[in-house]
C-alpha atoms as a PDB file:
ATOM      1  CA  UNK A   1      69.755 109.218  84.831  1.00  0.00           C
ATOM      2  CA  UNK A   2      67.779 107.896  87.490  1.00  0.00           C
ATOM      3  CA  UNK A   3      69.884 105.843  88.896  1.00  0.00           C
ATOM      4  CA  UNK A   4      71.998 107.528  91.464  1.00  0.00           C
ATOM      5  CA  UNK A   5      74.205 105.541  93.874  1.00  0.00           C
ATOM      6  CA  UNK A   6      74.070 100.806  94.929  1.00  0.00           C
ATOM      7  CA  UNK A   7      74.818  99.526  97.598  1.00  0.00           C
ATOM      8  CA  UNK A   8      74.203  95.836  99.313  1.00  0.00           C
ATOM      9  CA  UNK A   9      71.226  95.010 100.318  1.00  0.00           C
ATOM     10  CA  UNK A  10      72.981  95.438 104.076  1.00  0.00           C
ATOM     11  CA  UNK A  11      73.231  99.535 103.384  1.00  0.00           C
ATOM     12  CA  UNK A  12      69.997  99.584 101.697  1.00  0.00           C
ATOM     13  CA  UNK A  13      67.651 101.600 104.557  1.00  0.00           C
ATOM     14  CA  UNK A  14      70.876 103.595 106.052  1.00  0.00           C
ATOM     15  CA  UNK A  15      71.110 104.872 102.225  1.00  0.00           C
ATOM     16  CA  UNK A  16      67.222 105.355 101.977  1.00  0.00           C
ATOM     17  CA  UNK A  17      67.064 107.331 104.783  1.00  0.00           C
ATOM     18  CA  UNK A  18      69.776 109.129 103.016  1.00  0.00           C
ATOM     19  CA  UNK A  19      67.833 110.043 100.240  1.00  0.00           C
ATOM     20  CA  UNK A  20      64.362 111.025 102.551  1.00  0.00           C
ATOM     21  CA  UNK A  21      65.923 113.741 104.876  1.00  0.00           C
ATOM     22  CA  UNK A  22      67.997 115.496 101.666  1.00  0.00           C
ATOM     23  CA  UNK A  23      64.071 115.031 100.113  1.00  0.00           C
ATOM     24  CA  UNK A  24      62.873 116.396 103.208  1.00  0.00           C
ATOM     25  CA  UNK A  25      65.360 119.934 102.804  1.00  0.00           C
ATOM     26  CA  UNK A  26      63.331 120.319  99.063  1.00  0.00           C
ATOM     27  CA  UNK A  27      60.275 123.243  98.854  1.00  0.00           C
ATOM     28  CA  UNK A  28      58.008 120.775  98.647  1.00  0.00           C
ATOM     29  CA  UNK A  29      56.854 122.487  95.263  1.00  0.00           C
ATOM     30  CA  UNK A  30      59.495 121.997  94.405  1.00  0.00           C
ATOM     31  CA  UNK A  31      59.284 118.564  95.053  1.00  0.00           C
ATOM     32  CA  UNK A  32      56.233 117.843  93.260  1.00  0.00           C
ATOM     33  CA  UNK A  33      57.486 119.923  89.975  1.00  0.00           C
ATOM     34  CA  UNK A  34      60.184 116.969  89.859  1.00  0.00           C
ATOM     35  CA  UNK A  35      57.481 114.776  91.131  1.00  0.00           C
ATOM     36  CA  UNK A  36      55.568 115.481  87.348  1.00  0.00           C
ATOM     37  CA  UNK A  37      58.087 116.151  85.416  1.00  0.00           C
ATOM     38  CA  UNK A  38      59.262 112.452  85.886  1.00  0.00           C
ATOM     39  CA  UNK A  39      55.134 111.501  85.931  1.00  0.00           C
ATOM     40  CA  UNK A  40      54.713 112.857  81.976  1.00  0.00           C
ATOM     41  CA  UNK A  41      59.453 113.245  80.828  1.00  0.00           C
ATOM     42  CA  UNK A  42      57.013 113.044  77.557  1.00  0.00           C
ATOM     43  CA  UNK A  43      55.295 116.519  77.876  1.00  0.00           C
ATOM     44  CA  UNK A  44      57.803 117.899  80.110  1.00  0.00           C
ATOM     45  CA  UNK A  45      60.304 118.069  77.518  1.00  0.00           C
ATOM     46  CA  UNK A  46      58.835 119.644  75.438  1.00  0.00           C
ATOM     47  CA  UNK A  47      56.793 121.440  77.700  1.00  0.00           C
ATOM     48  CA  UNK A  48      57.343 125.355  78.894  1.00  0.00           C
ATOM     49  CA  UNK A  49      58.857 125.042  82.521  1.00  0.00           C
ATOM     50  CA  UNK A  50      56.981 128.218  82.320  1.00  0.00           C
ATOM     51  CA  UNK A  51      53.954 126.713  82.094  1.00  0.00           C
ATOM     52  CA  UNK A  52      54.064 123.538  84.324  1.00  0.00           C
ATOM     53  CA  UNK A  53      55.075 126.312  87.093  1.00  0.00           C
ATOM     54  CA  UNK A  54      51.053 128.239  86.249  1.00  0.00           C
ATOM     55  CA  UNK A  55      49.854 124.174  86.347  1.00  0.00           C
ATOM     56  CA  UNK A  56      51.211 123.558  89.124  1.00  0.00           C
ATOM     57  CA  UNK A  57      51.855 126.314  91.189  1.00  0.00           C
ATOM     58  CA  UNK A  58      50.987 129.247  89.974  1.00  0.00           C
ATOM     59  CA  UNK A  59      51.273 131.603  93.406  1.00  0.00           C
ATOM     60  CA  UNK A  60      55.366 129.453  94.124  1.00  0.00           C
ATOM     61  CA  UNK A  61      57.679 133.120  94.711  1.00  0.00           C
ATOM     62  CA  UNK A  62      54.107 134.290  97.398  1.00  0.00           C
ATOM     63  CA  UNK A  63      54.286 130.668  99.596  1.00  0.00           C
ATOM     64  CA  UNK A  64      55.033 130.128 102.701  1.00  0.00           C
ATOM     65  CA  UNK A  65      57.921 128.083 101.975  1.00  0.00           C
ATOM     66  CA  UNK A  66      59.479 130.056  99.380  1.00  0.00           C
ATOM     67  CA  UNK A  67      60.028 132.375 101.810  1.00  0.00           C
ATOM     68  CA  UNK A  68      61.210 130.404 104.145  1.00  0.00           C
ATOM     69  CA  UNK A  69      63.595 129.577 101.692  1.00  0.00           C
ATOM     70  CA  UNK A  70      64.411 132.753 101.964  1.00  0.00           C
ATOM     71  CA  UNK A  71      64.363 133.302 106.023  1.00  0.00           C
ATOM     72  CA  UNK A  72      66.421 130.200 106.096  1.00  0.00           C
ATOM     73  CA  UNK A  73      69.720 130.722 104.135  1.00  0.00           C
ATOM     74  CA  UNK A  74      69.506 134.445 105.418  1.00  0.00           C
ATOM     75  CA  UNK A  75      69.387 132.852 108.718  1.00  0.00           C
ATOM     76  CA  UNK A  76      72.091 130.632 108.250  1.00  0.00           C
ATOM     77  CA  UNK A  77      69.705 127.567 108.926  1.00  0.00           C
ATOM     78  CA  UNK A  78      68.648 124.958 107.102  1.00  0.00           C
ATOM     79  CA  UNK A  79      65.189 125.102 106.468  1.00  0.00           C
ATOM     80  CA  UNK A  80      62.311 123.346 107.533  1.00  0.00           C
ATOM     81  CA  UNK A  81      59.176 123.040 104.845  1.00  0.00           C
ATOM     82  CA  UNK A  82      57.004 120.438 106.419  1.00  0.00           C
ATOM     83  CA  UNK A  83      55.977 122.606 109.205  1.00  0.00           C
ATOM     84  CA  UNK A  84      54.343 125.178 106.983  1.00  0.00           C
ATOM     85  CA  UNK A  85      50.736 125.676 106.640  1.00  0.00           C
ATOM     86  CA  UNK A  86      49.449 125.286 102.957  1.00  0.00           C
ATOM     87  CA  UNK A  87      52.984 123.745 102.335  1.00  0.00           C
ATOM     88  CA  UNK A  88      51.814 121.533  99.137  1.00  0.00           C
ATOM     89  CA  UNK A  89      50.793 118.279  98.755  1.00  0.00           C
ATOM     90  CA  UNK A  90      52.355 115.704  95.349  1.00  0.00           C
END
Protein backbone atom coordinates (compact mmCIF):
# COMPACT_ATOMS: atom_id res chain seq x y z
CA UNK A 1 0.00 0.00 0.00
CA UNK A 2 2.58 2.71 -0.67
CA UNK A 3 1.21 3.54 -4.12
CA UNK A 4 -1.91 5.68 -3.96
CA UNK A 5 -2.27 6.61 -7.60
CA UNK A 6 -0.59 6.26 -10.98
CA UNK A 7 -0.70 9.18 -13.38
CA UNK A 8 0.78 9.95 -16.78
CA UNK A 9 4.00 11.96 -16.69
CA UNK A 10 2.14 14.97 -18.07
CA UNK A 11 -0.08 15.01 -14.93
CA UNK A 12 2.71 14.31 -12.42
CA UNK A 13 3.25 17.90 -11.23
CA UNK A 14 -0.49 18.40 -10.76
CA UNK A 15 -0.73 15.19 -8.72
CA UNK A 16 2.31 16.09 -6.60
CA UNK A 17 0.74 19.47 -5.83
CA UNK A 18 -2.49 17.75 -4.78
CA UNK A 19 -0.64 15.43 -2.38
CA UNK A 20 1.47 18.27 -0.99
CA UNK A 21 -1.68 20.30 -0.27
CA UNK A 22 -3.08 17.29 1.58
CA UNK A 23 0.11 16.86 3.61
CA UNK A 24 0.04 20.52 4.63
CA UNK A 25 -3.33 19.87 6.31
CA UNK A 26 -1.76 17.31 8.65
CA UNK A 27 -0.47 18.26 12.09
CA UNK A 28 3.32 18.50 11.64
CA UNK A 29 4.02 16.23 14.62
CA UNK A 30 1.69 13.59 13.19
CA UNK A 31 3.50 13.88 9.88
CA UNK A 32 6.79 13.31 11.72
CA UNK A 33 5.33 10.20 13.34
CA UNK A 34 4.20 8.87 9.98
CA UNK A 35 7.60 9.58 8.41
CA UNK A 36 9.36 7.84 11.30
CA UNK A 37 7.15 4.79 10.84
CA UNK A 38 8.35 4.47 7.23
CA UNK A 39 12.00 4.99 8.13
CA UNK A 40 11.94 2.25 10.75
CA UNK A 41 9.02 0.11 9.62
CA UNK A 42 10.31 -3.04 11.31
CA UNK A 43 10.75 -1.29 14.63
CA UNK A 44 7.44 0.50 14.18
CA UNK A 45 5.51 -2.71 13.69
CA UNK A 46 7.02 -4.18 16.84
CA UNK A 47 6.98 -1.04 18.97
CA UNK A 48 4.25 0.42 21.10
CA UNK A 49 2.84 3.64 19.59
CA UNK A 50 3.04 5.28 23.01
CA UNK A 51 6.80 4.73 23.03
CA UNK A 52 7.16 6.26 19.58
CA UNK A 53 5.10 9.28 20.61
CA UNK A 54 7.16 9.62 23.79
CA UNK A 55 10.35 9.61 21.70
CA UNK A 56 9.14 11.98 18.97
CA UNK A 57 6.77 14.28 20.83
CA UNK A 58 6.43 13.68 24.56
CA UNK A 59 4.51 16.95 24.84
CA UNK A 60 2.20 16.23 21.88
CA UNK A 61 -1.10 17.13 23.57
CA UNK A 62 0.25 20.46 24.85
CA UNK A 63 1.67 21.56 21.48
CA UNK A 64 0.28 24.63 19.68
CA UNK A 65 -0.61 22.59 16.59
CA UNK A 66 -3.00 20.41 18.62
CA UNK A 67 -4.68 23.54 19.96
CA UNK A 68 -4.90 24.82 16.36
CA UNK A 69 -6.49 21.53 15.26
CA UNK A 70 -9.12 21.81 17.98
CA UNK A 71 -9.80 25.48 17.24
CA UNK A 72 -10.09 24.90 13.50
CA UNK A 73 -12.45 21.98 14.02
CA UNK A 74 -14.80 23.92 16.28
CA UNK A 75 -14.57 27.05 14.11
CA UNK A 76 -15.28 24.93 11.01
CA UNK A 77 -12.18 26.14 9.16
CA UNK A 78 -9.06 24.61 7.65
CA UNK A 79 -6.23 24.51 10.19
CA UNK A 80 -2.99 26.34 9.46
CA UNK A 81 -0.29 24.36 11.26
CA UNK A 82 2.70 25.65 9.33
CA UNK A 83 2.63 29.25 10.59
CA UNK A 84 2.63 28.33 14.28
CA UNK A 85 5.63 29.06 16.50
CA UNK A 86 7.51 25.92 17.48
CA UNK A 87 6.11 23.80 14.66
CA UNK A 88 7.45 20.25 14.54
CA UNK A 89 10.54 19.45 12.58
CA UNK A 90 10.88 16.26 10.60
